[in-house]
């Protein structure tokens, strides 16, 4: 799954937003995401919980 597709999946199915790394490069970066950490601790802990509990697609 490419970064944009995975970022959309996380937002829609898991409720955690990320920025596709390819947004920052004209080529490359299609296998990474960026997260912001300028949130309250409670928000970050909830995001971690959601990611841990998520049924994420298997890495190919």
PDB file of N, CA and C in Angstrom:
ATOM      1  N   UNK A   1       0.852  -1.165   0.000  1.00  0.00           N
ATOM      2  CA  UNK A   1       0.000   0.000   0.000  1.00  0.00           C
ATOM      3  C   UNK A   1       0.907   1.240   0.000  1.00  0.00           C
ATOM      4  N   UNK A   2       0.681   2.133  -0.916  1.00  0.00           N
ATOM      5  CA  UNK A   2       1.461   3.369  -1.004  1.00  0.00           C
ATOM      6  C   UNK A   2       1.118   4.296   0.170  1.00  0.00           C
ATOM      7  N   UNK A   3       1.977   5.267   0.412  1.00  0.00           N
ATOM      8  CA  UNK A   3       1.817   6.141   1.571  1.00  0.00           C
ATOM      9  C   UNK A   3       0.495   6.903   1.577  1.00  0.00           C
ATOM     10  N   UNK A   4       0.080   7.411   0.440  1.00  0.00           N
ATOM     11  CA  UNK A   4      -1.186   8.171   0.395  1.00  0.00           C
ATOM     12  C   UNK A   4      -2.383   7.275   0.709  1.00  0.00           C
ATOM     13  N   UNK A   5      -2.378   6.095   0.151  1.00  0.00           N
ATOM     14  CA  UNK A   5      -3.460   5.140   0.391  1.00  0.00           C
ATOM     15  C   UNK A   5      -3.485   4.722   1.870  1.00  0.00           C
ATOM     16  N   UNK A   6      -2.303   4.480   2.434  1.00  0.00           N
ATOM     17  CA  UNK A   6      -2.226   4.066   3.835  1.00  0.00           C
ATOM     18  C   UNK A   6      -2.643   5.201   4.769  1.00  0.00           C
ATOM     19  N   UNK A   7      -2.239   6.427   4.459  1.00  0.00           N
ATOM     20  CA  UNK A   7      -2.652   7.576   5.270  1.00  0.00           C
ATOM     21  C   UNK A   7      -4.172   7.723   5.257  1.00  0.00           C
ATOM     22  N   UNK A   8      -4.780   7.542   4.108  1.00  0.00           N
ATOM     23  CA  UNK A   8      -6.239   7.617   4.001  1.00  0.00           C
ATOM     24  C   UNK A   8      -6.892   6.497   4.816  1.00  0.00           C
ATOM     25  N   UNK A   9      -6.324   5.295   4.728  1.00  0.00           N
ATOM     26  CA  UNK A   9      -6.833   4.152   5.490  1.00  0.00           C
ATOM     27  C   UNK A   9      -6.785   4.443   6.992  1.00  0.00           C
ATOM     28  N   UNK A  10      -5.637   4.941   7.476  1.00  0.00           N
ATOM     29  CA  UNK A  10      -5.509   5.247   8.904  1.00  0.00           C
ATOM     30  C   UNK A  10      -6.536   6.276   9.352  1.00  0.00           C
ATOM     31  N   UNK A  11      -6.733   7.305   8.565  1.00  0.00           N
ATOM     32  CA  UNK A  11      -7.687   8.353   8.936  1.00  0.00           C
ATOM     33  C   UNK A  11      -9.118   7.821   8.959  1.00  0.00           C
ATOM     34  N   UNK A  12      -9.484   7.059   7.942  1.00  0.00           N
ATOM     35  CA  UNK A  12     -10.869   6.586   7.822  1.00  0.00           C
ATOM     36  C   UNK A  12     -11.186   5.421   8.742  1.00  0.00           C
ATOM     37  N   UNK A  13     -10.288   4.472   8.873  1.00  0.00           N
ATOM     38  CA  UNK A  13     -10.578   3.243   9.620  1.00  0.00           C
ATOM     39  C   UNK A  13     -10.073   3.245  11.055  1.00  0.00           C
ATOM     40  N   UNK A  14      -8.985   3.971  11.319  1.00  0.00           N
ATOM     41  CA  UNK A  14      -8.361   3.942  12.636  1.00  0.00           C
ATOM     42  C   UNK A  14      -8.594   5.235  13.400  1.00  0.00           C
ATOM     43  N   UNK A  15      -8.816   6.330  12.680  1.00  0.00           N
ATOM     44  CA  UNK A  15      -9.045   7.611  13.330  1.00  0.00           C
ATOM     45  C   UNK A  15      -7.759   8.309  13.739  1.00  0.00           C
ATOM     46  N   UNK A  16      -6.665   7.997  13.031  1.00  0.00           N
ATOM     47  CA  UNK A  16      -5.374   8.632  13.293  1.00  0.00           C
ATOM     48  C   UNK A  16      -4.895   9.246  11.985  1.00  0.00           C
ATOM     49  N   UNK A  17      -4.594  10.539  12.018  1.00  0.00           N
ATOM     50  CA  UNK A  17      -4.169  11.233  10.806  1.00  0.00           C
ATOM     51  C   UNK A  17      -2.649  11.247  10.683  1.00  0.00           C
ATOM     52  N   UNK A  18      -2.190  11.076   9.454  1.00  0.00           N
ATOM     53  CA  UNK A  18      -0.764  11.146   9.133  1.00  0.00           C
ATOM     54  C   UNK A  18      -0.621  11.841   7.783  1.00  0.00           C
ATOM     55  N   UNK A  19       0.556  12.360   7.519  1.00  0.00           N
ATOM     56  CA  UNK A  19       0.828  13.016   6.245  1.00  0.00           C
ATOM     57  C   UNK A  19       1.703  12.089   5.408  1.00  0.00           C
ATOM     58  N   UNK A  20       1.286  11.787   4.177  1.00  0.00           N
ATOM     59  CA  UNK A  20       2.126  10.962   3.312  1.00  0.00           C
ATOM     60  C   UNK A  20       3.461  11.649   3.059  1.00  0.00           C
ATOM     61  N   UNK A  21       4.554  10.926   3.216  1.00  0.00           N
ATOM     62  CA  UNK A  21       5.877  11.511   3.034  1.00  0.00           C
ATOM     63  C   UNK A  21       6.099  11.977   1.601  1.00  0.00           C
ATOM     64  N   UNK A  22       5.414  11.366   0.655  1.00  0.00           N
ATOM     65  CA  UNK A  22       5.573  11.768  -0.747  1.00  0.00           C
ATOM     66  C   UNK A  22       5.067  13.193  -0.986  1.00  0.00           C
ATOM     67  N   UNK A  23       4.312  13.735  -0.041  1.00  0.00           N
ATOM     68  CA  UNK A  23       3.853  15.123  -0.148  1.00  0.00           C
ATOM     69  C   UNK A  23       5.018  16.110  -0.087  1.00  0.00           C
ATOM     70  N   UNK A  24       6.147  15.665   0.443  1.00  0.00           N
ATOM     71  CA  UNK A  24       7.301  16.533   0.637  1.00  0.00           C
ATOM     72  C   UNK A  24       8.370  16.371  -0.440  1.00  0.00           C
ATOM     73  N   UNK A  25       8.219  15.372  -1.333  1.00  0.00           N
ATOM     74  CA  UNK A  25       9.251  15.080  -2.322  1.00  0.00           C
ATOM     75  C   UNK A  25       8.641  14.946  -3.713  1.00  0.00           C
ATOM     76  N   UNK A  26       9.397  15.342  -4.724  1.00  0.00           N
ATOM     77  CA  UNK A  26       8.915  15.168  -6.098  1.00  0.00           C
ATOM     78  C   UNK A  26       9.052  13.710  -6.527  1.00  0.00           C
ATOM     79  N   UNK A  27       9.990  12.998  -5.939  1.00  0.00           N
ATOM     80  CA  UNK A  27      10.117  11.548  -6.167  1.00  0.00           C
ATOM     81  C   UNK A  27      10.590  10.918  -4.867  1.00  0.00           C
ATOM     82  N   UNK A  28      10.188   9.699  -4.631  1.00  0.00           N
ATOM     83  CA  UNK A  28      10.569   8.996  -3.410  1.00  0.00           C
ATOM     84  C   UNK A  28       9.631   9.285  -2.254  1.00  0.00           C
ATOM     85  N   UNK A  29       9.951   8.686  -1.114  1.00  0.00           N
ATOM     86  CA  UNK A  29       9.155   8.894   0.092  1.00  0.00           C
ATOM     87  C   UNK A  29       7.803   8.220   0.074  1.00  0.00           C
ATOM     88  N   UNK A  30       7.592   7.284  -0.832  1.00  0.00           N
ATOM     89  CA  UNK A  30       6.268   6.671  -0.979  1.00  0.00           C
ATOM     90  C   UNK A  30       6.016   5.525  -0.001  1.00  0.00           C
ATOM     91  N   UNK A  31       6.955   5.275   0.910  1.00  0.00           N
ATOM     92  CA  UNK A  31       6.749   4.188   1.865  1.00  0.00           C
ATOM     93  C   UNK A  31       6.841   4.660   3.313  1.00  0.00           C
ATOM     94  N   UNK A  32       6.631   5.954   3.520  1.00  0.00           N
ATOM     95  CA  UNK A  32       6.699   6.510   4.874  1.00  0.00           C
ATOM     96  C   UNK A  32       5.553   7.487   5.119  1.00  0.00           C
ATOM     97  N   UNK A  33       5.234   7.654   6.403  1.00  0.00           N
ATOM     98  CA  UNK A  33       4.244   8.634   6.830  1.00  0.00           C
ATOM     99  C   UNK A  33       4.877   9.549   7.865  1.00  0.00           C
ATOM    100  N   UNK A  34       4.304  10.730   8.023  1.00  0.00           N
ATOM    101  CA  UNK A  34       4.744  11.654   9.070  1.00  0.00           C
ATOM    102  C   UNK A  34       3.581  11.906  10.013  1.00  0.00           C
ATOM    103  N   UNK A  35       3.905  11.954  11.295  1.00  0.00           N
ATOM    104  CA  UNK A  35       2.933  12.252  12.333  1.00  0.00           C
ATOM    105  C   UNK A  35       3.386  13.517  13.053  1.00  0.00           C
ATOM    106  N   UNK A  36       2.457  14.269  13.608  1.00  0.00           N
ATOM    107  CA  UNK A  36       2.819  15.426  14.423  1.00  0.00           C
ATOM    108  C   UNK A  36       2.732  15.039  15.897  1.00  0.00           C
ATOM    109  N   UNK A  37       3.630  15.580  16.666  1.00  0.00           N
ATOM    110  CA  UNK A  37       3.637  15.293  18.096  1.00  0.00           C
ATOM    111  C   UNK A  37       3.325  16.544  18.914  1.00  0.00           C
ATOM    112  N   UNK A  38       2.807  17.554  18.256  1.00  0.00           N
ATOM    113  CA  UNK A  38       2.448  18.795  18.959  1.00  0.00           C
ATOM    114  C   UNK A  38       1.000  18.714  19.449  1.00  0.00           C
ATOM    115  N   UNK A  39       0.733  17.665  20.158  1.00  0.00           N
ATOM    116  CA  UNK A  39      -0.601  17.410  20.705  1.00  0.00           C
ATOM    117  C   UNK A  39      -0.491  17.190  22.207  1.00  0.00           C
ATOM    118  N   UNK A  40      -1.635  17.214  22.869  1.00  0.00           N
ATOM    119  CA  UNK A  40      -1.665  16.902  24.297  1.00  0.00           C
ATOM    120  C   UNK A  40      -1.272  15.438  24.493  1.00  0.00           C
ATOM    121  N   UNK A  41      -0.701  15.142  25.653  1.00  0.00           N
ATOM    122  CA  UNK A  41      -0.297  13.765  25.946  1.00  0.00           C
ATOM    123  C   UNK A  41      -1.471  12.794  25.813  1.00  0.00           C
ATOM    124  N   UNK A  42      -2.656  13.226  26.250  1.00  0.00           N
ATOM    125  CA  UNK A  42      -3.832  12.345  26.176  1.00  0.00           C
ATOM    126  C   UNK A  42      -4.161  11.988  24.723  1.00  0.00           C
ATOM    127  N   UNK A  43      -4.011  12.966  23.834  1.00  0.00           N
ATOM    128  CA  UNK A  43      -4.288  12.742  22.414  1.00  0.00           C
ATOM    129  C   UNK A  43      -3.284  11.764  21.826  1.00  0.00           C
ATOM    130  N   UNK A  44      -2.020  11.932  22.174  1.00  0.00           N
ATOM    131  CA  UNK A  44      -0.982  11.030  21.671  1.00  0.00           C
ATOM    132  C   UNK A  44      -1.168   9.614  22.206  1.00  0.00           C
ATOM    133  N   UNK A  45      -1.521   9.493  23.470  1.00  0.00           N
ATOM    134  CA  UNK A  45      -1.766   8.162  24.041  1.00  0.00           C
ATOM    135  C   UNK A  45      -2.951   7.477  23.372  1.00  0.00           C
ATOM    136  N   UNK A  46      -3.990   8.238  23.086  1.00  0.00           N
ATOM    137  CA  UNK A  46      -5.153   7.672  22.390  1.00  0.00           C
ATOM    138  C   UNK A  46      -4.775   7.234  20.984  1.00  0.00           C
ATOM    139  N   UNK A  47      -3.963   8.017  20.284  1.00  0.00           N
ATOM    140  CA  UNK A  47      -3.505   7.633  18.947  1.00  0.00           C
ATOM    141  C   UNK A  47      -2.692   6.342  19.013  1.00  0.00           C
ATOM    142  N   UNK A  48      -1.824   6.237  19.996  1.00  0.00           N
ATOM    143  CA  UNK A  48      -1.039   5.009  20.166  1.00  0.00           C
ATOM    144  C   UNK A  48      -1.949   3.813  20.421  1.00  0.00           C
ATOM    145  N   UNK A  49      -2.938   3.990  21.275  1.00  0.00           N
ATOM    146  CA  UNK A  49      -3.869   2.901  21.569  1.00  0.00           C
ATOM    147  C   UNK A  49      -4.598   2.464  20.304  1.00  0.00           C
ATOM    148  N   UNK A  50      -5.065   3.429  19.522  1.00  0.00           N
ATOM    149  CA  UNK A  50      -5.776   3.105  18.289  1.00  0.00           C
ATOM    150  C   UNK A  50      -4.881   2.362  17.304  1.00  0.00           C
ATOM    151  N   UNK A  51      -3.629   2.797  17.187  1.00  0.00           N
ATOM    152  CA  UNK A  51      -2.707   2.121  16.270  1.00  0.00           C
ATOM    153  C   UNK A  51      -2.398   0.706  16.740  1.00  0.00           C
ATOM    154  N   UNK A  52      -2.244   0.530  18.052  1.00  0.00           N
ATOM    155  CA  UNK A  52      -1.981  -0.811  18.592  1.00  0.00           C
ATOM    156  C   UNK A  52      -3.165  -1.752  18.365  1.00  0.00           C
ATOM    157  N   UNK A  53      -4.371  -1.223  18.490  1.00  0.00           N
ATOM    158  CA  UNK A  53      -5.576  -2.044  18.355  1.00  0.00           C
ATOM    159  C   UNK A  53      -6.033  -2.207  16.914  1.00  0.00           C
ATOM    160  N   UNK A  54      -5.459  -1.457  16.000  1.00  0.00           N
ATOM    161  CA  UNK A  54      -5.927  -1.450  14.613  1.00  0.00           C
ATOM    162  C   UNK A  54      -5.609  -2.747  13.890  1.00  0.00           C
ATOM    163  N   UNK A  55      -6.514  -3.122  13.017  1.00  0.00           N
ATOM    164  CA  UNK A  55      -6.307  -4.277  12.143  1.00  0.00           C
ATOM    165  C   UNK A  55      -5.654  -3.728  10.868  1.00  0.00           C
ATOM    166  N   UNK A  56      -4.331  -3.518  10.932  1.00  0.00           N
ATOM    167  CA  UNK A  56      -3.606  -2.896   9.833  1.00  0.00           C
ATOM    168  C   UNK A  56      -3.341  -3.902   8.721  1.00  0.00           C
ATOM    169  N   UNK A  57      -3.333  -3.417   7.468  1.00  0.00           N
ATOM    170  CA  UNK A  57      -3.024  -4.307   6.360  1.00  0.00           C
ATOM    171  C   UNK A  57      -1.600  -4.843   6.507  1.00  0.00           C
ATOM    172  N   UNK A  58      -1.405  -6.077   6.114  1.00  0.00           N
ATOM    173  CA  UNK A  58      -0.079  -6.706   6.215  1.00  0.00           C
ATOM    174  C   UNK A  58       0.892  -6.050   5.245  1.00  0.00           C
ATOM    175  N   UNK A  59       2.134  -5.939   5.689  1.00  0.00           N
ATOM    176  CA  UNK A  59       3.180  -5.398   4.834  1.00  0.00           C
ATOM    177  C   UNK A  59       3.508  -6.418   3.758  1.00  0.00           C
ATOM    178  N   UNK A  60       3.581  -5.941   2.520  1.00  0.00           N
ATOM    179  CA  UNK A  60       3.848  -6.853   1.405  1.00  0.00           C
ATOM    180  C   UNK A  60       5.318  -6.905   1.108  1.00  0.00           C
TER     181      UNK A  60
END
